[in-house]
Full PDB file with SEQRES, HELIX, SHEET, SSBOND, CRYST1, ORIGX, SCALE, CONECT and MASTER records, all heavy atoms in Angstrom:
SEQRES   1 A   41  PRO GLU ALA PHE ARG HIS ALA VAL GLU ALA PHE LEU ALA          
SEQRES   2 A   41  GLU ARG ASP ASP ALA THR LEU PRO LYS ASP GLY TRP PRO          
SEQRES   3 A   41  TRP PRO TRP GLU ASP SER GLN THR THR ASP TYR ALA TRP          
SEQRES   4 A   41  ALA PHE                                                      
HELIX    1 AA1 GLU A    2  ALA A   13  1                                  12    
HELIX    2 AA2 PRO A   21  ASP A   23  5                                   3    
CRYST1    1.000    1.000    1.000  90.00  90.00  90.00 P 1           1          
ORIGX1      1.000000  0.000000  0.000000        0.00000                         
ORIGX2      0.000000  1.000000  0.000000        0.00000                         
ORIGX3      0.000000  0.000000  1.000000        0.00000                         
SCALE1      1.000000  0.000000  0.000000        0.00000                         
SCALE2      0.000000  1.000000  0.000000        0.00000                         
SCALE3      0.000000  0.000000  1.000000        0.00000                         
ATOM      1  N   PRO A   1     116.460  67.525  23.735  1.00  0.00           N  
ATOM      2  CA  PRO A   1     115.609  68.220  24.758  1.00  0.00           C  
ATOM      3  C   PRO A   1     114.402  68.924  24.108  1.00  0.00           C  
ATOM      4  O   PRO A   1     113.293  68.892  24.712  1.00  0.00           O  
ATOM      5  CB  PRO A   1     116.531  69.221  25.411  1.00  0.00           C  
ATOM      6  CG  PRO A   1     117.914  69.042  24.822  1.00  0.00           C  
ATOM      7  CD  PRO A   1     117.821  68.074  23.728  1.00  0.00           C  
ATOM      8  N   GLU A   2     114.567  69.472  22.951  1.00  0.00           N  
ATOM      9  CA  GLU A   2     113.473  70.154  22.260  1.00  0.00           C  
ATOM     10  C   GLU A   2     112.384  69.199  21.920  1.00  0.00           C  
ATOM     11  O   GLU A   2     111.143  69.471  22.125  1.00  0.00           O  
ATOM     12  CB  GLU A   2     113.975  70.912  21.022  1.00  0.00           C  
ATOM     13  CG  GLU A   2     114.885  71.987  21.346  1.00  0.00           C  
ATOM     14  CD  GLU A   2     116.354  71.481  21.521  1.00  0.00           C  
ATOM     15  OE1 GLU A   2     116.712  70.357  21.189  1.00  0.00           O  
ATOM     16  OE2 GLU A   2     117.154  72.334  22.057  1.00  0.00           O  
ATOM     17  N   ALA A   3     112.722  68.024  21.409  1.00  0.00           N  
ATOM     18  CA  ALA A   3     111.724  67.024  21.062  1.00  0.00           C  
ATOM     19  C   ALA A   3     111.035  66.471  22.293  1.00  0.00           C  
ATOM     20  O   ALA A   3     109.825  66.299  22.289  1.00  0.00           O  
ATOM     21  CB  ALA A   3     112.387  65.870  20.303  1.00  0.00           C  
ATOM     22  N   PHE A   4     111.792  66.295  23.359  1.00  0.00           N  
ATOM     23  CA  PHE A   4     111.224  65.790  24.603  1.00  0.00           C  
ATOM     24  C   PHE A   4     110.218  66.845  25.161  1.00  0.00           C  
ATOM     25  O   PHE A   4     109.077  66.514  25.537  1.00  0.00           O  
ATOM     26  CB  PHE A   4     112.321  65.564  25.634  1.00  0.00           C  
ATOM     27  CG  PHE A   4     111.840  64.973  26.916  1.00  0.00           C  
ATOM     28  CD1 PHE A   4     111.621  63.576  27.030  1.00  0.00           C  
ATOM     29  CD2 PHE A   4     111.599  65.712  28.016  1.00  0.00           C  
ATOM     30  CE1 PHE A   4     111.183  62.965  28.205  1.00  0.00           C  
ATOM     31  CE2 PHE A   4     111.157  65.195  29.238  1.00  0.00           C  
ATOM     32  CZ  PHE A   4     110.953  63.812  29.328  1.00  0.00           C  
ATOM     33  N   ARG A   5     110.619  68.132  25.161  1.00  0.00           N  
ATOM     34  CA  ARG A   5     109.721  69.154  25.668  1.00  0.00           C  
ATOM     35  C   ARG A   5     108.431  69.195  24.838  1.00  0.00           C  
ATOM     36  O   ARG A   5     107.337  69.276  25.391  1.00  0.00           O  
ATOM     37  CB  ARG A   5     110.395  70.504  25.542  1.00  0.00           C  
ATOM     38  CG  ARG A   5     109.548  71.714  26.030  1.00  0.00           C  
ATOM     39  CD  ARG A   5     110.272  73.030  25.732  1.00  0.00           C  
ATOM     40  NE  ARG A   5     111.638  73.046  26.149  1.00  0.00           N  
ATOM     41  CZ  ARG A   5     112.053  73.266  27.418  1.00  0.00           C  
ATOM     42  NH1 ARG A   5     111.223  73.452  28.399  1.00  0.00           N  
ATOM     43  NH2 ARG A   5     113.391  73.254  27.672  1.00  0.00           N  
ATOM     44  N   HIS A   6     108.561  69.149  23.480  1.00  0.00           N  
ATOM     45  CA  HIS A   6     107.314  69.182  22.683  1.00  0.00           C  
ATOM     46  C   HIS A   6     106.459  67.954  22.913  1.00  0.00           C  
ATOM     47  O   HIS A   6     105.212  68.075  23.019  1.00  0.00           O  
ATOM     48  CB  HIS A   6     107.776  69.219  21.197  1.00  0.00           C  
ATOM     49  CG  HIS A   6     106.652  69.183  20.248  1.00  0.00           C  
ATOM     50  ND1 HIS A   6     105.812  70.301  20.050  1.00  0.00           N  
ATOM     51  CD2 HIS A   6     106.182  68.209  19.464  1.00  0.00           C  
ATOM     52  CE1 HIS A   6     104.869  69.988  19.203  1.00  0.00           C  
ATOM     53  NE2 HIS A   6     105.073  68.683  18.775  1.00  0.00           N  
ATOM     54  N   ALA A   7     107.067  66.776  23.050  1.00  0.00           N  
ATOM     55  CA  ALA A   7     106.288  65.537  23.237  1.00  0.00           C  
ATOM     56  C   ALA A   7     105.617  65.581  24.604  1.00  0.00           C  
ATOM     57  O   ALA A   7     104.386  65.182  24.730  1.00  0.00           O  
ATOM     58  CB  ALA A   7     107.209  64.341  23.142  1.00  0.00           C  
ATOM     59  N   VAL A   8     106.286  66.058  25.627  1.00  0.00           N  
ATOM     60  CA  VAL A   8     105.636  66.144  26.953  1.00  0.00           C  
ATOM     61  C   VAL A   8     104.495  67.207  26.948  1.00  0.00           C  
ATOM     62  O   VAL A   8     103.458  66.941  27.451  1.00  0.00           O  
ATOM     63  CB  VAL A   8     106.698  66.491  28.070  1.00  0.00           C  
ATOM     64  CG1 VAL A   8     106.038  66.874  29.362  1.00  0.00           C  
ATOM     65  CG2 VAL A   8     107.639  65.290  28.260  1.00  0.00           C  
ATOM     66  N   GLU A   9     104.759  68.340  26.355  1.00  0.00           N  
ATOM     67  CA  GLU A   9     103.690  69.356  26.269  1.00  0.00           C  
ATOM     68  C   GLU A   9     102.414  68.843  25.573  1.00  0.00           C  
ATOM     69  O   GLU A   9     101.306  69.055  25.996  1.00  0.00           O  
ATOM     70  CB  GLU A   9     104.224  70.619  25.603  1.00  0.00           C  
ATOM     71  CG  GLU A   9     105.166  71.379  26.417  1.00  0.00           C  
ATOM     72  CD  GLU A   9     105.866  72.527  25.666  1.00  0.00           C  
ATOM     73  OE1 GLU A   9     105.640  72.738  24.485  1.00  0.00           O  
ATOM     74  OE2 GLU A   9     106.614  73.258  26.343  1.00  0.00           O  
ATOM     75  N   ALA A  10     102.671  68.110  24.454  1.00  0.00           N  
ATOM     76  CA  ALA A  10     101.538  67.513  23.714  1.00  0.00           C  
ATOM     77  C   ALA A  10     100.785  66.495  24.582  1.00  0.00           C  
ATOM     78  O   ALA A  10      99.517  66.437  24.610  1.00  0.00           O  
ATOM     79  CB  ALA A  10     101.966  66.931  22.387  1.00  0.00           C  
ATOM     80  N   PHE A  11     101.555  65.678  25.245  1.00  0.00           N  
ATOM     81  CA  PHE A  11     100.971  64.609  26.103  1.00  0.00           C  
ATOM     82  C   PHE A  11     100.187  65.257  27.262  1.00  0.00           C  
ATOM     83  O   PHE A  11      99.039  64.808  27.520  1.00  0.00           O  
ATOM     84  CB  PHE A  11     102.139  63.775  26.629  1.00  0.00           C  
ATOM     85  CG  PHE A  11     101.748  62.697  27.609  1.00  0.00           C  
ATOM     86  CD1 PHE A  11     101.037  61.572  27.175  1.00  0.00           C  
ATOM     87  CD2 PHE A  11     102.103  62.780  28.949  1.00  0.00           C  
ATOM     88  CE1 PHE A  11     100.711  60.558  28.069  1.00  0.00           C  
ATOM     89  CE2 PHE A  11     101.791  61.736  29.849  1.00  0.00           C  
ATOM     90  CZ  PHE A  11     101.047  60.656  29.387  1.00  0.00           C  
ATOM     91  N   LEU A  12     100.733  66.240  27.938  1.00  0.00           N  
ATOM     92  CA  LEU A  12     100.068  66.917  29.053  1.00  0.00           C  
ATOM     93  C   LEU A  12      98.790  67.620  28.604  1.00  0.00           C  
ATOM     94  O   LEU A  12      97.787  67.658  29.328  1.00  0.00           O  
ATOM     95  CB  LEU A  12     101.029  67.802  29.800  1.00  0.00           C  
ATOM     96  CG  LEU A  12     102.209  67.176  30.478  1.00  0.00           C  
ATOM     97  CD1 LEU A  12     103.068  68.245  31.148  1.00  0.00           C  
ATOM     98  CD2 LEU A  12     101.781  66.113  31.464  1.00  0.00           C  
ATOM     99  N   ALA A  13      98.806  68.188  27.392  1.00  0.00           N  
ATOM    100  CA  ALA A  13      97.685  68.982  26.901  1.00  0.00           C  
ATOM    101  C   ALA A  13      96.387  68.083  26.698  1.00  0.00           C  
ATOM    102  O   ALA A  13      95.318  68.645  26.773  1.00  0.00           O  
ATOM    103  CB  ALA A  13      98.051  69.651  25.615  1.00  0.00           C  
ATOM    104  N   GLU A  14      96.657  66.828  26.500  1.00  0.00           N  
ATOM    105  CA  GLU A  14      95.466  65.918  26.300  1.00  0.00           C  
ATOM    106  C   GLU A  14      94.946  65.318  27.595  1.00  0.00           C  
ATOM    107  O   GLU A  14      93.988  64.508  27.550  1.00  0.00           O  
ATOM    108  CB  GLU A  14      95.925  64.761  25.323  1.00  0.00           C  
ATOM    109  CG  GLU A  14      96.336  65.290  23.931  1.00  0.00           C  
ATOM    110  CD  GLU A  14      96.794  64.136  23.055  1.00  0.00           C  
ATOM    111  OE1 GLU A  14      96.789  62.958  23.519  1.00  0.00           O  
ATOM    112  OE2 GLU A  14      97.172  64.459  21.935  1.00  0.00           O  
ATOM    113  N   ARG A  15      95.485  65.626  28.719  1.00  0.00           N  
ATOM    114  CA  ARG A  15      95.129  64.986  29.963  1.00  0.00           C  
ATOM    115  C   ARG A  15      94.397  65.905  30.921  1.00  0.00           C  
ATOM    116  O   ARG A  15      94.759  67.079  31.034  1.00  0.00           O  
ATOM    117  CB  ARG A  15      96.378  64.386  30.621  1.00  0.00           C  
ATOM    118  CG  ARG A  15      97.060  63.381  29.741  1.00  0.00           C  
ATOM    119  CD  ARG A  15      98.182  62.716  30.519  1.00  0.00           C  
ATOM    120  NE  ARG A  15      97.735  62.094  31.729  1.00  0.00           N  
ATOM    121  CZ  ARG A  15      97.699  60.821  31.996  1.00  0.00           C  
ATOM    122  NH1 ARG A  15      98.118  59.988  31.083  1.00  0.00           N  
ATOM    123  NH2 ARG A  15      97.370  60.370  33.189  1.00  0.00           N  
ATOM    124  N   ASP A  16      93.431  65.348  31.602  1.00  0.00           N  
ATOM    125  CA  ASP A  16      92.687  66.113  32.629  1.00  0.00           C  
ATOM    126  C   ASP A  16      93.391  66.177  33.948  1.00  0.00           C  
ATOM    127  O   ASP A  16      93.064  67.019  34.751  1.00  0.00           O  
ATOM    128  CB  ASP A  16      91.290  65.508  32.816  1.00  0.00           C  
ATOM    129  CG  ASP A  16      90.386  65.568  31.627  1.00  0.00           C  
ATOM    130  OD1 ASP A  16      90.556  66.552  30.870  1.00  0.00           O  
ATOM    131  OD2 ASP A  16      89.523  64.689  31.467  1.00  0.00           O  
ATOM    132  N   ASP A  17      94.338  65.295  34.145  1.00  0.00           N  
ATOM    133  CA  ASP A  17      95.103  65.201  35.447  1.00  0.00           C  
ATOM    134  C   ASP A  17      96.448  65.898  35.392  1.00  0.00           C  
ATOM    135  O   ASP A  17      97.170  65.708  36.336  1.00  0.00           O  
ATOM    136  CB  ASP A  17      95.197  63.784  35.913  1.00  0.00           C  
ATOM    137  CG  ASP A  17      96.094  62.991  34.939  1.00  0.00           C  
ATOM    138  OD1 ASP A  17      96.159  63.308  33.710  1.00  0.00           O  
ATOM    139  OD2 ASP A  17      96.676  61.993  35.375  1.00  0.00           O  
ATOM    140  N   ALA A  18      96.685  66.670  34.377  1.00  0.00           N  
ATOM    141  CA  ALA A  18      97.999  67.292  34.241  1.00  0.00           C  
ATOM    142  C   ALA A  18      98.130  68.574  35.004  1.00  0.00           C  
ATOM    143  O   ALA A  18      97.162  69.346  35.218  1.00  0.00           O  
ATOM    144  CB  ALA A  18      98.302  67.644  32.769  1.00  0.00           C  
ATOM    145  N   THR A  19      99.338  68.823  35.548  1.00  0.00           N  
ATOM    146  CA  THR A  19      99.648  70.121  36.229  1.00  0.00           C  
ATOM    147  C   THR A  19     100.851  70.690  35.542  1.00  0.00           C  
ATOM    148  O   THR A  19     101.885  69.966  35.310  1.00  0.00           O  
ATOM    149  CB  THR A  19      99.993  69.847  37.698  1.00  0.00           C  
ATOM    150  OG1 THR A  19      98.871  69.283  38.355  1.00  0.00           O  
ATOM    151  CG2 THR A  19     100.291  71.206  38.404  1.00  0.00           C  
ATOM    152  N   LEU A  20     100.781  71.965  35.170  1.00  0.00           N  
ATOM    153  CA  LEU A  20     101.868  72.642  34.467  1.00  0.00           C  
ATOM    154  C   LEU A  20     102.544  73.554  35.450  1.00  0.00           C  
ATOM    155  O   LEU A  20     102.008  73.953  36.459  1.00  0.00           O  
ATOM    156  CB  LEU A  20     101.313  73.422  33.304  1.00  0.00           C  
ATOM    157  CG  LEU A  20     100.542  72.640  32.249  1.00  0.00           C  
ATOM    158  CD1 LEU A  20      99.931  73.545  31.217  1.00  0.00           C  
ATOM    159  CD2 LEU A  20     101.435  71.599  31.619  1.00  0.00           C  
ATOM    160  N   PRO A  21     103.816  73.969  35.159  1.00  0.00           N  
ATOM    161  CA  PRO A  21     104.515  74.889  36.034  1.00  0.00           C  
ATOM    162  C   PRO A  21     103.746  76.134  36.366  1.00  0.00           C  
ATOM    163  O   PRO A  21     103.776  76.602  37.543  1.00  0.00           O  
ATOM    164  CB  PRO A  21     105.817  75.180  35.255  1.00  0.00           C  
ATOM    165  CG  PRO A  21     106.065  73.911  34.513  1.00  0.00           C  
ATOM    166  CD  PRO A  21     104.685  73.513  34.081  1.00  0.00           C  
ATOM    167  N   LYS A  22     102.978  76.688  35.456  1.00  0.00           N  
ATOM    168  CA  LYS A  22     102.143  77.913  35.768  1.00  0.00           C  
ATOM    169  C   LYS A  22     101.140  77.646  36.880  1.00  0.00           C  
ATOM    170  O   LYS A  22     100.691  78.570  37.525  1.00  0.00           O  
ATOM    171  CB  LYS A  22     101.507  78.383  34.491  1.00  0.00           C  
ATOM    172  CG  LYS A  22     100.357  77.453  33.964  1.00  0.00           C  
ATOM    173  CD  LYS A  22      99.693  78.111  32.747  1.00  0.00           C  
ATOM    174  CE  LYS A  22      98.582  77.244  32.247  1.00  0.00           C  
ATOM    175  NZ  LYS A  22      97.434  77.113  33.088  1.00  0.00           N  
ATOM    176  N   ASP A  23     100.788  76.355  37.092  1.00  0.00           N  
ATOM    177  CA  ASP A  23      99.795  75.973  38.093  1.00  0.00           C  
ATOM    178  C   ASP A  23     100.424  75.792  39.494  1.00  0.00           C  
ATOM    179  O   ASP A  23      99.725  75.654  40.444  1.00  0.00           O  
ATOM    180  CB  ASP A  23      99.024  74.755  37.683  1.00  0.00           C  
ATOM    181  CG  ASP A  23      98.390  74.916  36.334  1.00  0.00           C  
ATOM    182  OD1 ASP A  23      97.788  75.890  36.148  1.00  0.00           O  
ATOM    183  OD2 ASP A  23      98.408  73.936  35.529  1.00  0.00           O  
ATOM    184  N   GLY A  24     101.733  75.645  39.490  1.00  0.00           N  
ATOM    185  CA  GLY A  24     102.467  75.362  40.763  1.00  0.00           C  
ATOM    186  C   GLY A  24     102.663  73.882  41.036  1.00  0.00           C  
ATOM    187  O   GLY A  24     101.987  73.023  40.445  1.00  0.00           O  
ATOM    188  N   TRP A  25     103.553  73.579  41.910  1.00  0.00           N  
ATOM    189  CA  TRP A  25     103.917  72.165  42.210  1.00  0.00           C  
ATOM    190  C   TRP A  25     102.663  71.496  42.809  1.00  0.00           C  
ATOM    191  O   TRP A  25     102.077  71.994  43.746  1.00  0.00           O  
ATOM    192  CB  TRP A  25     105.066  72.206  43.234  1.00  0.00           C  
ATOM    193  CG  TRP A  25     105.577  70.857  43.571  1.00  0.00           C  
ATOM    194  CD1 TRP A  25     105.453  70.258  44.861  1.00  0.00           C  
ATOM    195  CD2 TRP A  25     106.370  69.935  42.809  1.00  0.00           C  
ATOM    196  NE1 TRP A  25     106.066  68.998  44.812  1.00  0.00           N  
ATOM    197  CE2 TRP A  25     106.619  68.809  43.587  1.00  0.00           C  
ATOM    198  CE3 TRP A  25     106.759  69.950  41.493  1.00  0.00           C  
ATOM    199  CZ2 TRP A  25     107.323  67.723  43.100  1.00  0.00           C  
ATOM    200  CZ3 TRP A  25     107.498  68.880  41.040  1.00  0.00           C  
ATOM    201  CH2 TRP A  25     107.755  67.758  41.821  1.00  0.00           C  
ATOM    202  N   PRO A  26     102.296  70.301  42.286  1.00  0.00           N  
ATOM    203  CA  PRO A  26     101.046  69.697  42.665  1.00  0.00           C  
ATOM    204  C   PRO A  26     101.067  68.764  43.957  1.00  0.00           C  
ATOM    205  O   PRO A  26     100.017  68.412  44.403  1.00  0.00           O  
ATOM    206  CB  PRO A  26     100.708  68.839  41.458  1.00  0.00           C  
ATOM    207  CG  PRO A  26     102.018  68.427  40.913  1.00  0.00           C  
ATOM    208  CD  PRO A  26     102.955  69.651  41.122  1.00  0.00           C  
ATOM    209  N   TRP A  27     102.216  68.401  44.363  1.00  0.00           N  
ATOM    210  CA  TRP A  27     102.298  67.418  45.408  1.00  0.00           C  
ATOM    211  C   TRP A  27     102.596  68.005  46.827  1.00  0.00           C  
ATOM    212  O   TRP A  27     103.180  69.046  46.915  1.00  0.00           O  
ATOM    213  CB  TRP A  27     103.352  66.365  45.117  1.00  0.00           C  
ATOM    214  CG  TRP A  27     103.367  65.931  43.673  1.00  0.00           C  
ATOM    215  CD1 TRP A  27     104.433  65.920  42.824  1.00  0.00           C  
ATOM    216  CD2 TRP A  27     102.300  65.429  42.892  1.00  0.00           C  
ATOM    217  NE1 TRP A  27     104.108  65.482  41.577  1.00  0.00           N  
ATOM    218  CE2 TRP A  27     102.774  65.168  41.615  1.00  0.00           C  
ATOM    219  CE3 TRP A  27     100.953  65.193  43.196  1.00  0.00           C  
ATOM    220  CZ2 TRP A  27     101.978  64.647  40.589  1.00  0.00           C  
ATOM    221  CZ3 TRP A  27     100.167  64.647  42.127  1.00  0.00           C  
ATOM    222  CH2 TRP A  27     100.658  64.383  40.850  1.00  0.00           C  
ATOM    223  N   PRO A  28     102.165  67.278  47.881  1.00  0.00           N  
ATOM    224  CA  PRO A  28     102.484  67.760  49.219  1.00  0.00           C  
ATOM    225  C   PRO A  28     103.940  67.564  49.636  1.00  0.00           C  
ATOM    226  O   PRO A  28     104.350  67.999  50.687  1.00  0.00           O  
ATOM    227  CB  PRO A  28     101.525  66.957  50.088  1.00  0.00           C  
ATOM    228  CG  PRO A  28     101.220  65.764  49.344  1.00  0.00           C  
ATOM    229  CD  PRO A  28     101.300  66.112  47.878  1.00  0.00           C  
ATOM    230  N   TRP A  29     104.786  66.852  48.811  1.00  0.00           N  
ATOM    231  CA  TRP A  29     106.171  66.648  49.062  1.00  0.00           C  
ATOM    232  C   TRP A  29     106.947  67.656  48.213  1.00  0.00           C  
ATOM    233  O   TRP A  29     106.471  68.256  47.276  1.00  0.00           O  
ATOM    234  CB  TRP A  29     106.611  65.243  48.784  1.00  0.00           C  
ATOM    235  CG  TRP A  29     106.091  64.675  47.499  1.00  0.00           C  
ATOM    236  CD1 TRP A  29     106.671  64.727  46.256  1.00  0.00           C  
ATOM    237  CD2 TRP A  29     104.880  63.879  47.266  1.00  0.00           C  
ATOM    238  NE1 TRP A  29     105.955  64.080  45.261  1.00  0.00           N  
ATOM    239  CE2 TRP A  29     104.818  63.562  45.877  1.00  0.00           C  
ATOM    240  CE3 TRP A  29     103.836  63.499  48.145  1.00  0.00           C  
ATOM    241  CZ2 TRP A  29     103.777  62.814  45.352  1.00  0.00           C  
ATOM    242  CZ3 TRP A  29     102.804  62.778  47.544  1.00  0.00           C  
ATOM    243  CH2 TRP A  29     102.788  62.441  46.188  1.00  0.00           C  
ATOM    244  N   GLU A  30     108.239  67.852  48.565  1.00  0.00           N  
ATOM    245  CA  GLU A  30     108.995  68.924  48.020  1.00  0.00           C  
ATOM    246  C   GLU A  30     109.677  68.655  46.642  1.00  0.00           C  
ATOM    247  O   GLU A  30     109.955  69.565  45.929  1.00  0.00           O  
ATOM    248  CB  GLU A  30     110.073  69.341  48.985  1.00  0.00           C  
ATOM    249  CG  GLU A  30     109.558  69.983  50.257  1.00  0.00           C  
ATOM    250  CD  GLU A  30     110.661  70.420  51.177  1.00  0.00           C  
ATOM    251  OE1 GLU A  30     111.835  70.661  50.725  1.00  0.00           O  
ATOM    252  OE2 GLU A  30     110.375  70.539  52.341  1.00  0.00           O  
ATOM    253  N   ASP A  31     109.934  67.414  46.334  1.00  0.00           N  
ATOM    254  CA  ASP A  31     110.543  67.071  45.056  1.00  0.00           C  
ATOM    255  C   ASP A  31     110.123  65.699  44.587  1.00  0.00           C  
ATOM    256  O   ASP A  31     109.248  65.036  45.248  1.00  0.00           O  
ATOM    257  CB  ASP A  31     112.097  67.145  45.257  1.00  0.00           C  
ATOM    258  CG  ASP A  31     112.600  66.200  46.342  1.00  0.00           C  
ATOM    259  OD1 ASP A  31     112.043  65.080  46.520  1.00  0.00           O  
ATOM    260  OD2 ASP A  31     113.635  66.561  46.960  1.00  0.00           O  
ATOM    261  N   SER A  32     110.660  65.243  43.471  1.00  0.00           N  
ATOM    262  CA  SER A  32     110.189  63.997  42.820  1.00  0.00           C  
ATOM    263  C   SER A  32     110.769  62.693  43.505  1.00  0.00           C  
ATOM    264  O   SER A  32     110.449  61.654  43.032  1.00  0.00           O  
ATOM    265  CB  SER A  32     110.616  63.976  41.369  1.00  0.00           C  
ATOM    266  OG  SER A  32     109.894  64.990  40.714  1.00  0.00           O  
ATOM    267  N   GLN A  33     111.489  62.800  44.603  1.00  0.00           N  
ATOM    268  CA  GLN A  33     111.962  61.624  45.280  1.00  0.00           C  
ATOM    269  C   GLN A  33     110.817  60.739  45.759  1.00  0.00           C  
ATOM    270  O   GLN A  33     110.976  59.526  45.917  1.00  0.00           O  
ATOM    271  CB  GLN A  33     112.953  61.958  46.400  1.00  0.00           C  
ATOM    272  CG  GLN A  33     114.243  62.535  45.878  1.00  0.00           C  
ATOM    273  CD  GLN A  33     115.152  62.794  46.969  1.00  0.00           C  
ATOM    274  OE1 GLN A  33     115.012  62.401  48.108  1.00  0.00           O  
ATOM    275  NE2 GLN A  33     116.245  63.486  46.663  1.00  0.00           N  
ATOM    276  N   THR A  34     109.663  61.308  46.030  1.00  0.00           N  
ATOM    277  CA  THR A  34     108.494  60.548  46.508  1.00  0.00           C  
ATOM    278  C   THR A  34     107.535  60.239  45.394  1.00  0.00           C  
ATOM    279  O   THR A  34     106.657  59.405  45.555  1.00  0.00           O  
ATOM    280  CB  THR A  34     107.795  61.341  47.635  1.00  0.00           C  
ATOM    281  OG1 THR A  34     108.786  61.658  48.649  1.00  0.00           O  
ATOM    282  CG2 THR A  34     106.699  60.502  48.310  1.00  0.00           C  
ATOM    283  N   THR A  35     107.635  60.935  44.255  1.00  0.00           N  
ATOM    284  CA  THR A  35     106.750  60.702  43.169  1.00  0.00           C  
ATOM    285  C   THR A  35     107.010  59.296  42.587  1.00  0.00           C  
ATOM    286  O   THR A  35     108.163  58.849  42.591  1.00  0.00           O  
ATOM    287  CB  THR A  35     106.980  61.768  42.074  1.00  0.00           C  
ATOM    288  OG1 THR A  35     106.817  63.067  42.638  1.00  0.00           O  
ATOM    289  CG2 THR A  35     105.953  61.588  40.918  1.00  0.00           C  
ATOM    290  N   ASP A  36     105.959  58.657  42.102  1.00  0.00           N  
ATOM    291  CA  ASP A  36     106.066  57.249  41.601  1.00  0.00           C  
ATOM    292  C   ASP A  36     107.066  57.119  40.439  1.00  0.00           C  
ATOM    293  O   ASP A  36     107.864  56.232  40.387  1.00  0.00           O  
ATOM    294  CB  ASP A  36     104.730  56.694  41.230  1.00  0.00           C  
ATOM    295  CG  ASP A  36     103.767  56.674  42.398  1.00  0.00           C  
ATOM    296  OD1 ASP A  36     104.085  56.060  43.421  1.00  0.00           O  
ATOM    297  OD2 ASP A  36     102.677  57.316  42.220  1.00  0.00           O  
ATOM    298  N   TYR A  37     106.963  58.069  39.476  1.00  0.00           N  
ATOM    299  CA  TYR A  37     107.861  58.058  38.353  1.00  0.00           C  
ATOM    300  C   TYR A  37     108.332  59.446  38.087  1.00  0.00           C  
ATOM    301  O   TYR A  37     107.576  60.421  38.177  1.00  0.00           O  
ATOM    302  CB  TYR A  37     107.089  57.600  37.063  1.00  0.00           C  
ATOM    303  CG  TYR A  37     106.789  56.108  37.088  1.00  0.00           C  
ATOM    304  CD1 TYR A  37     105.675  55.610  37.717  1.00  0.00           C  
ATOM    305  CD2 TYR A  37     107.690  55.210  36.468  1.00  0.00           C  
ATOM    306  CE1 TYR A  37     105.402  54.247  37.781  1.00  0.00           C  
ATOM    307  CE2 TYR A  37     107.423  53.844  36.510  1.00  0.00           C  
ATOM    308  CZ  TYR A  37     106.257  53.388  37.128  1.00  0.00           C  
ATOM    309  OH  TYR A  37     106.036  52.064  37.187  1.00  0.00           O  
ATOM    310  N   ALA A  38     109.589  59.605  37.637  1.00  0.00           N  
ATOM    311  CA  ALA A  38     110.152  60.866  37.186  1.00  0.00           C  
ATOM    312  C   ALA A  38     110.764  60.578  35.838  1.00  0.00           C  
ATOM    313  O   ALA A  38     111.689  59.773  35.709  1.00  0.00           O  
ATOM    314  CB  ALA A  38     111.175  61.340  38.154  1.00  0.00           C  
ATOM    315  N   TRP A  39     110.162  61.178  34.807  1.00  0.00           N  
ATOM    316  CA  TRP A  39     110.625  61.023  33.460  1.00  0.00           C  
ATOM    317  C   TRP A  39     111.481  62.228  33.122  1.00  0.00           C  
ATOM    318  O   TRP A  39     111.069  63.346  33.328  1.00  0.00           O  
ATOM    319  CB  TRP A  39     109.497  60.929  32.468  1.00  0.00           C  
ATOM    320  CG  TRP A  39     108.655  59.757  32.695  1.00  0.00           C  
ATOM    321  CD1 TRP A  39     107.522  59.670  33.462  1.00  0.00           C  
ATOM    322  CD2 TRP A  39     108.776  58.444  32.120  1.00  0.00           C  
ATOM    323  NE1 TRP A  39     106.996  58.368  33.411  1.00  0.00           N  
ATOM    324  CE2 TRP A  39     107.746  57.617  32.610  1.00  0.00           C  
ATOM    325  CE3 TRP A  39     109.772  57.886  31.218  1.00  0.00           C  
ATOM    326  CZ2 TRP A  39     107.649  56.280  32.257  1.00  0.00           C  
ATOM    327  CZ3 TRP A  39     109.628  56.577  30.866  1.00  0.00           C  
ATOM    328  CH2 TRP A  39     108.549  55.800  31.393  1.00  0.00           C  
ATOM    329  N   ALA A  40     112.686  62.008  32.607  1.00  0.00           N  
ATOM    330  CA  ALA A  40     113.624  63.138  32.310  1.00  0.00           C  
ATOM    331  C   ALA A  40     114.388  62.886  31.021  1.00  0.00           C  
ATOM    332  O   ALA A  40     114.735  61.769  30.691  1.00  0.00           O  
ATOM    333  CB  ALA A  40     114.586  63.296  33.473  1.00  0.00           C  
ATOM    334  N   PHE A  41     114.640  64.011  30.344  1.00  0.00           N  
ATOM    335  CA  PHE A  41     115.589  63.945  29.219  1.00  0.00           C  
ATOM    336  C   PHE A  41     116.898  64.406  29.774  1.00  0.00           C  
ATOM    337  O   PHE A  41     116.985  65.508  30.295  1.00  0.00           O  
ATOM    338  CB  PHE A  41     115.119  64.781  28.031  1.00  0.00           C  
ATOM    339  CG  PHE A  41     116.091  64.643  26.880  1.00  0.00           C  
ATOM    340  CD1 PHE A  41     115.868  63.654  25.979  1.00  0.00           C  
ATOM    341  CD2 PHE A  41     117.185  65.506  26.772  1.00  0.00           C  
ATOM    342  CE1 PHE A  41     116.794  63.416  24.927  1.00  0.00           C  
ATOM    343  CE2 PHE A  41     118.102  65.290  25.694  1.00  0.00           C  
ATOM    344  CZ  PHE A  41     117.855  64.261  24.829  1.00  0.00           C  
TER     345      PHE A  41                                                      
MASTER        0    0    0    2    0    0    0    6  344    1    0    4          
END                                                                             
């Protein structure tokens, strides 16, 4: 989980379209069931 967290944080830091938890949930739906992809460790 630590490696996954670090890899995701590094990946998101390089993107202009990233949303972090401090920014709030980005989608008009309530959970990831409607999101195209959900990547999880």
